[in-house]
Every structure is written in C-alpha cells, then in structure tokens.
C-alpha cells in the first residue's frame, strides 16, 4: 500500500459459493482484521447467494453492526443471474440500507465454458471464458438483465458498482440508448438515467488510457472510482496509471482527485487520511 500511495484500502473476500454460517465467520474474521487499523482499512461483506434471505440478513448485519461499506457479490449463482426473483431480498436490503453492491464476475458454468471451446487448448478456452473476455461480457449482461427486468424501476435508489472500466458497456453505450428505446416492453427509466444514477464504475484491472477515454465520455467523472483489484493486480500499476491519466489531459485536476479518492469517500462514507 505504501509503495502504491494507498492510504485507505477496502478489503473483501473473493466471492465464493459459501453457506450462511461460513459467510458470517468470514465477515467476523474480516472485521477483526480491519479493526486493528480502521484508518487504513474498510471492508465489503461476503454474502451467501445460495440463500438470498440469509444473504440479505447478513448484509444488514455487516452494514449496521460491523460498519462495512457494502458487499462484494458474484454476478451469477449456479446459472441464475441477479435479476432472478430469488435474489430480490438482497436488492431490497441493499437499497433500504444504502449499501453499494460491487458486482464482480464469477467463474463460468459448464454451459458457459462450452460456448468458448474451439480449435485450441482447454487452457485457452478457460482463459477466453474468464479474464480475457467472458467475465467482462457476462457482467455487462448481468447489468442489462437487471435493467430489462425493470429492477432499477423497482429499486430506484440501489447503488451498483462494476469494475474493469465498465465491463464493455461504455463502448456500446450510445448504441444501447438507441436500441433499448425501441423495446416494446421497456422500463420506465431509460438506460442513460440508470447509468448516471445507479451505476458507479471502477478502474480495477484495466490500467490503460483508451478505455478510460471511452468511459469518461459516457459517464460523469463523479461516478468513476480508482480501484486496483489487489492481489490480482498491483498497487504500483495503479499508481502508474494515475500518473499517466494526469499527464494525458483527459481529466481536470479536480476530476482526477474525484476519481482517486473523493468519489469513493462520498459513495462509501469513508475519509482517507492524506
């Protein structure tokens, strides 16, 4: 953290398909760890998506008692995306308690992996279906499914965070605005309203200027959060990216400060020590 210039880091477990008891124990252990130095650490909750009602209860416990700042959840559980009726208790609790849900990609199901098989090795198949392409495209699909299912109408104040510079959605943003308006059964709120009101985007794992240029042209700077994704990426790479972003002129100094820490402070209710 010191070499990367990180004064406060939000920590989470990697989302796994755990039962409620395991999640409670994991969250209690995480709370004990961050309590040693609360000035430097905050936390996202681990939720048992296998039991959405218990997940909602655990989210409320983590927010109200452990003072966590949100939850880190998979975009899909055993083939079911978050728009499925079974996950409504989680969405309702997140909205009621103003708890941001950071939606991250989960490992593909066998059916998903099968679509990526071709005239190459199984290791390439796995790579394509996950960090090369599949994770971003499938998380983007999760957001579009939530939109199409009118869940942003139902939970109008819900706060959703996605990583990887928007998981491909900024690149097709204008196209989405056009085609979704032609739906015969469209949500009351259009996708632009949802994108500007309910979605925050992090830089996690993508430290180049081209996707940032695309992102900054599709969403206000106050919706963008600097994130690294450590240990899967390195804090020092994130620091270098911020130096490149400052030199590029893509954002003003005020916007850069918003992206680096102020937006996260506002969204997560934190205060970084300078």
Protein backbone atom coordinates (compact mmCIF):
# COMPACT_ATOMS: atom_id res chain seq x y z
CA UNK A 1 0.00 0.00 0.00
CA UNK A 2 2.79 2.41 0.88
CA UNK A 3 4.63 1.97 -2.43
CA UNK A 4 1.37 2.36 -4.34
CA UNK A 5 0.39 5.52 -2.48
CA UNK A 6 -2.68 3.87 -0.93
CA UNK A 7 -3.75 5.44 2.37
CA UNK A 8 -7.03 3.51 2.77
CA UNK A 9 -7.96 0.22 1.13
CA UNK A 10 -11.34 -1.53 1.02
CA UNK A 11 -10.82 -5.26 1.56
CA UNK A 12 -13.08 -8.16 0.68
CA UNK A 13 -13.05 -11.91 0.35
CA UNK A 14 -13.17 -13.33 -3.15
CA UNK A 15 -16.88 -14.19 -3.57
CA UNK A 16 -17.39 -17.93 -3.30
CA UNK A 17 -20.47 -20.14 -3.04
CA UNK A 18 -20.44 -20.35 0.74
CA UNK A 19 -23.23 -21.18 3.17
CA UNK A 20 -24.58 -18.55 5.59
CA UNK A 21 -22.55 -19.77 8.55
CA UNK A 22 -19.28 -19.68 6.61
CA UNK A 23 -20.04 -16.17 5.38
CA UNK A 24 -20.77 -14.95 8.90
CA UNK A 25 -17.50 -16.38 10.17
CA UNK A 26 -15.58 -14.90 7.23
CA UNK A 27 -17.11 -11.47 7.78
CA UNK A 28 -16.40 -11.60 11.51
CA UNK A 29 -12.78 -12.52 10.78
CA UNK A 30 -12.50 -9.69 8.26
CA UNK A 31 -13.99 -7.26 10.76
CA UNK A 32 -11.45 -8.33 13.36
CA UNK A 33 -8.63 -7.77 10.88
CA UNK A 34 -9.64 -4.29 9.75
CA UNK A 35 -10.40 -3.21 13.33
CA UNK A 36 -6.68 -3.43 14.09
CA UNK A 37 -6.16 -0.37 11.87
CA UNK A 38 -9.52 1.18 10.88
CA UNK A 39 -7.83 4.28 9.50
CA UNK A 40 -6.18 2.19 6.77
CA UNK A 41 -8.82 -0.47 6.08
CA UNK A 42 -12.53 -0.82 5.34
CA UNK A 43 -14.47 -3.85 4.13
CA UNK A 44 -17.07 -5.27 1.76
CA UNK A 45 -19.23 -8.14 3.01
CA UNK A 46 -19.27 -11.70 1.70
CA UNK A 47 -22.86 -12.88 1.14
CA UNK A 48 -24.31 -16.39 0.73
CA UNK A 49 -26.07 -16.15 -2.63
CA UNK A 50 -27.22 -19.74 -2.16
CA UNK A 51 -29.67 -18.40 0.45
CA UNK A 52 -30.79 -14.89 -0.60
CA UNK A 53 -32.89 -14.27 2.52
CA UNK A 54 -29.94 -15.10 4.75
CA UNK A 55 -27.74 -13.01 2.44
CA UNK A 56 -29.99 -10.01 2.99
CA UNK A 57 -29.86 -10.56 6.75
CA UNK A 58 -26.07 -10.83 6.65
CA UNK A 59 -25.79 -7.67 4.55
CA UNK A 60 -27.83 -5.73 7.10
CA UNK A 61 -25.70 -7.14 9.95
CA UNK A 62 -22.46 -6.20 8.23
CA UNK A 63 -23.63 -2.67 7.44
CA UNK A 64 -25.31 -1.86 10.76
CA UNK A 65 -23.11 -3.76 13.25
CA UNK A 66 -19.74 -4.33 11.60
CA UNK A 67 -19.75 -0.97 9.79
CA UNK A 68 -18.84 -2.49 6.44
CA UNK A 69 -19.27 -0.17 3.45
CA UNK A 70 -21.11 -2.52 1.07
CA UNK A 71 -20.94 -6.04 -0.33
CA UNK A 72 -18.89 -7.80 -2.99
CA UNK A 73 -21.08 -10.32 -4.85
CA UNK A 74 -20.96 -12.58 -7.88
CA UNK A 75 -22.96 -11.62 -10.94
CA UNK A 76 -24.49 -15.08 -11.12
CA UNK A 77 -25.09 -18.06 -8.85
CA UNK A 78 -25.30 -21.58 -10.31
CA UNK A 79 -26.53 -20.28 -13.65
CA UNK A 80 -29.01 -17.77 -12.22
CA UNK A 81 -28.31 -14.07 -12.79
CA UNK A 82 -29.15 -11.43 -10.21
CA UNK A 83 -32.40 -10.47 -11.96
CA UNK A 84 -33.93 -13.81 -10.88
CA UNK A 85 -36.79 -13.45 -8.40
CA UNK A 86 -34.89 -15.35 -5.72
CA UNK A 87 -32.37 -12.50 -5.32
CA UNK A 88 -34.95 -9.77 -4.61
CA UNK A 89 -34.30 -9.81 -0.83
CA UNK A 90 -30.66 -8.85 -1.44
CA UNK A 91 -31.55 -6.00 -3.77
CA UNK A 92 -34.23 -4.74 -1.40
CA UNK A 93 -31.88 -4.74 1.59
CA UNK A 94 -29.12 -3.04 -0.39
CA UNK A 95 -31.48 -0.24 -1.38
CA UNK A 96 -33.05 0.13 2.06
CA UNK A 97 -29.70 0.40 3.83
CA UNK A 98 -27.98 2.34 1.03
CA UNK A 99 -25.36 -0.40 0.79
CA UNK A 100 -23.47 -0.46 -2.53
CA UNK A 101 -23.26 -3.84 -4.23
CA UNK A 102 -19.99 -4.38 -6.07
CA UNK A 103 -20.91 -6.92 -8.76
CA UNK A 104 -17.97 -8.98 -9.93
CA UNK A 105 -17.82 -11.85 -12.42
CA UNK A 106 -17.93 -15.41 -11.18
CA UNK A 107 -16.44 -18.48 -12.81
CA UNK A 108 -18.46 -19.74 -15.78
CA UNK A 109 -20.79 -22.70 -15.62
CA UNK A 110 -20.05 -25.75 -17.82
CA UNK A 111 -22.63 -24.47 -20.31
CA UNK A 112 -20.88 -21.09 -20.49
CA UNK A 113 -17.47 -22.67 -20.95
CA UNK A 114 -18.79 -24.84 -23.80
CA UNK A 115 -19.53 -21.75 -25.88
CA UNK A 116 -15.86 -20.79 -25.79
CA UNK A 117 -14.43 -24.12 -26.92
CA UNK A 118 -12.79 -24.21 -30.33
CA UNK A 119 -9.76 -25.37 -32.25
CA UNK A 120 -7.38 -24.63 -29.37
CA UNK A 121 -6.43 -25.95 -25.95
CA UNK A 122 -8.66 -26.20 -22.91
CA UNK A 123 -6.44 -23.69 -21.12
CA UNK A 124 -7.21 -21.09 -23.80
CA UNK A 125 -10.90 -21.95 -23.54
CA UNK A 126 -10.78 -21.24 -19.82
CA UNK A 127 -8.86 -18.02 -20.41
CA UNK A 128 -11.34 -16.78 -23.04
CA UNK A 129 -14.31 -17.62 -20.85
CA UNK A 130 -12.93 -15.73 -17.87
CA UNK A 131 -10.42 -12.89 -17.69
CA UNK A 132 -9.82 -12.50 -21.45
CA UNK A 133 -13.41 -11.80 -22.45
CA UNK A 134 -16.13 -13.81 -20.73
CA UNK A 135 -16.00 -12.12 -17.35
CA UNK A 136 -16.48 -8.64 -18.80
CA UNK A 137 -19.17 -9.58 -21.30
CA UNK A 138 -21.14 -11.64 -18.79
CA UNK A 139 -21.04 -8.96 -16.10
CA UNK A 140 -22.26 -6.45 -18.69
CA UNK A 141 -25.08 -8.86 -19.47
CA UNK A 142 -25.94 -9.01 -15.77
CA UNK A 143 -26.40 -5.23 -15.67
CA UNK A 144 -28.52 -5.26 -18.83
CA UNK A 145 -30.66 -8.06 -17.41
CA UNK A 146 -31.28 -6.05 -14.23
CA UNK A 147 -32.29 -3.13 -16.44
CA UNK A 148 -34.51 -5.20 -18.75
CA UNK A 149 -36.23 -6.82 -15.76
CA UNK A 150 -37.17 -3.32 -14.57
CA UNK A 151 -35.37 -3.81 -11.31
CA UNK A 152 -33.91 -0.31 -11.49
CA UNK A 153 -37.53 0.89 -11.61
CA UNK A 154 -38.41 -1.21 -8.58
CA UNK A 155 -35.23 -0.40 -6.63
CA UNK A 156 -34.71 3.12 -7.89
CA UNK A 157 -32.16 4.10 -5.24
CA UNK A 158 -29.98 0.98 -5.42
CA UNK A 159 -26.23 1.56 -5.79
CA UNK A 160 -24.32 -0.79 -8.09
CA UNK A 161 -20.56 -0.82 -8.65
CA UNK A 162 -18.91 -2.60 -11.58
CA UNK A 163 -15.22 -2.86 -12.40
CA UNK A 164 -12.97 -3.12 -15.44
CA UNK A 165 -13.80 0.36 -16.77
CA UNK A 166 -17.48 -0.55 -17.13
CA UNK A 167 -17.26 -4.13 -18.39
CA UNK A 168 -17.60 -3.20 -22.10
CA UNK A 169 -20.78 -1.16 -21.58
CA UNK A 170 -19.18 2.26 -22.27
CA UNK A 171 -18.09 1.13 -25.74
CA UNK A 172 -21.66 0.26 -26.75
CA UNK A 173 -23.34 2.93 -24.61
CA UNK A 174 -24.79 5.10 -27.40
CA UNK A 175 -25.94 2.00 -29.26
CA UNK A 176 -27.69 0.74 -26.12
CA UNK A 177 -29.50 4.04 -25.66
CA UNK A 178 -30.82 3.77 -29.21
CA UNK A 179 -31.87 0.12 -29.32
CA UNK A 180 -33.37 -0.12 -25.83
CA UNK A 181 -35.71 2.76 -26.65
CA UNK A 182 -37.18 0.53 -29.37
CA UNK A 183 -38.13 -2.25 -26.97
CA UNK A 184 -41.87 -2.91 -26.99
CA UNK A 185 -41.80 -3.55 -23.22
CA UNK A 186 -39.22 -1.14 -21.91
CA UNK A 187 -38.55 0.03 -18.36
CA UNK A 188 -39.95 3.36 -17.19
CA UNK A 189 -36.45 4.72 -16.72
CA UNK A 190 -34.15 4.68 -19.72
CA UNK A 191 -30.67 3.21 -19.59
CA UNK A 192 -28.97 6.61 -19.53
CA UNK A 193 -30.87 7.54 -16.38
CA UNK A 194 -29.88 4.26 -14.73
CA UNK A 195 -26.25 4.62 -15.86
CA UNK A 196 -25.99 8.14 -14.44
CA UNK A 197 -27.94 7.45 -11.24
CA UNK A 198 -27.42 3.88 -10.07
CA UNK A 199 -24.07 2.79 -11.52
CA UNK A 200 -20.51 3.53 -10.40
CA UNK A 201 -17.54 2.24 -12.39
CA UNK A 202 -14.07 1.36 -11.14
CA UNK A 203 -10.75 1.15 -12.94
CA UNK A 204 -9.88 -2.23 -11.42
CA UNK A 205 -7.56 -4.33 -13.54
CA UNK A 206 -7.52 -2.02 -16.57
CA UNK A 207 -4.71 0.49 -16.43
CA UNK A 208 -4.64 1.99 -19.91
CA UNK A 209 -5.93 5.29 -21.26
CA UNK A 210 -8.03 4.06 -24.21
CA UNK A 211 -10.83 2.52 -22.11
CA UNK A 212 -10.66 5.49 -19.74
CA UNK A 213 -11.17 7.87 -22.67
CA UNK A 214 -14.24 5.89 -23.65
CA UNK A 215 -15.53 5.77 -20.08
CA UNK A 216 -15.08 9.47 -19.37
CA UNK A 217 -17.14 10.24 -22.49
CA UNK A 218 -20.09 8.15 -21.32
CA UNK A 219 -20.36 8.79 -17.58
CA UNK A 220 -19.64 11.80 -15.34
CA UNK A 221 -16.28 11.79 -13.59
CA UNK A 222 -18.04 11.69 -10.22
CA UNK A 223 -19.19 8.12 -10.99
CA UNK A 224 -15.67 6.75 -11.57
CA UNK A 225 -13.66 5.18 -8.74
CA UNK A 226 -9.98 4.32 -8.72
CA UNK A 227 -9.54 0.65 -7.89
CA UNK A 228 -6.70 -1.82 -8.27
CA UNK A 229 -8.05 -5.30 -7.59
CA UNK A 230 -5.06 -6.36 -5.47
CA UNK A 231 -3.66 -9.05 -5.32
CA UNK A 232 -4.82 -9.88 -8.86
CA UNK A 233 -3.31 -6.59 -9.96
CA UNK A 234 -0.64 -4.46 -8.33
CA UNK A 235 -0.97 -1.16 -6.49
CA UNK A 236 2.16 0.13 -8.20
CA UNK A 237 0.50 -0.38 -11.60
CA UNK A 238 -2.47 1.61 -10.40
CA UNK A 239 -0.20 4.42 -9.29
CA UNK A 240 1.50 4.50 -12.71
CA UNK A 241 -1.91 4.62 -14.40
CA UNK A 242 -2.92 7.66 -12.36
CA UNK A 243 0.32 9.38 -13.33
CA UNK A 244 -0.42 8.63 -16.99
CA UNK A 245 -4.01 9.83 -16.61
CA UNK A 246 -2.86 13.12 -15.10
CA UNK A 247 -0.37 13.68 -17.92
CA UNK A 248 -2.92 12.79 -20.61
CA UNK A 249 -5.22 15.75 -20.06
CA UNK A 250 -8.29 13.51 -20.25
CA UNK A 251 -9.49 14.86 -16.90
CA UNK A 252 -9.04 18.07 -14.95
CA UNK A 253 -7.15 18.16 -11.66
CA UNK A 254 -10.46 18.34 -9.80
CA UNK A 255 -11.82 15.35 -11.72
CA UNK A 256 -8.63 13.42 -11.04
CA UNK A 257 -8.99 13.98 -7.31
CA UNK A 258 -12.62 12.86 -7.52
CA UNK A 259 -11.60 9.64 -9.27
CA UNK A 260 -8.63 8.95 -7.00
CA UNK A 261 -10.43 9.22 -3.65
CA UNK A 262 -13.27 11.73 -3.31
CA UNK A 263 -15.90 9.70 -5.16
CA UNK A 264 -15.16 6.66 -3.02
CA UNK A 265 -15.36 8.77 0.13
CA UNK A 266 -18.80 10.00 -0.92
CA UNK A 267 -20.19 6.66 -2.08
CA UNK A 268 -18.79 4.53 0.73
CA UNK A 269 -18.90 7.03 3.57
CA UNK A 270 -15.15 6.95 4.12
CA UNK A 271 -12.48 9.52 4.88
CA UNK A 272 -8.97 8.85 3.62
CA UNK A 273 -6.02 10.14 5.62
CA UNK A 274 -3.81 12.36 3.47
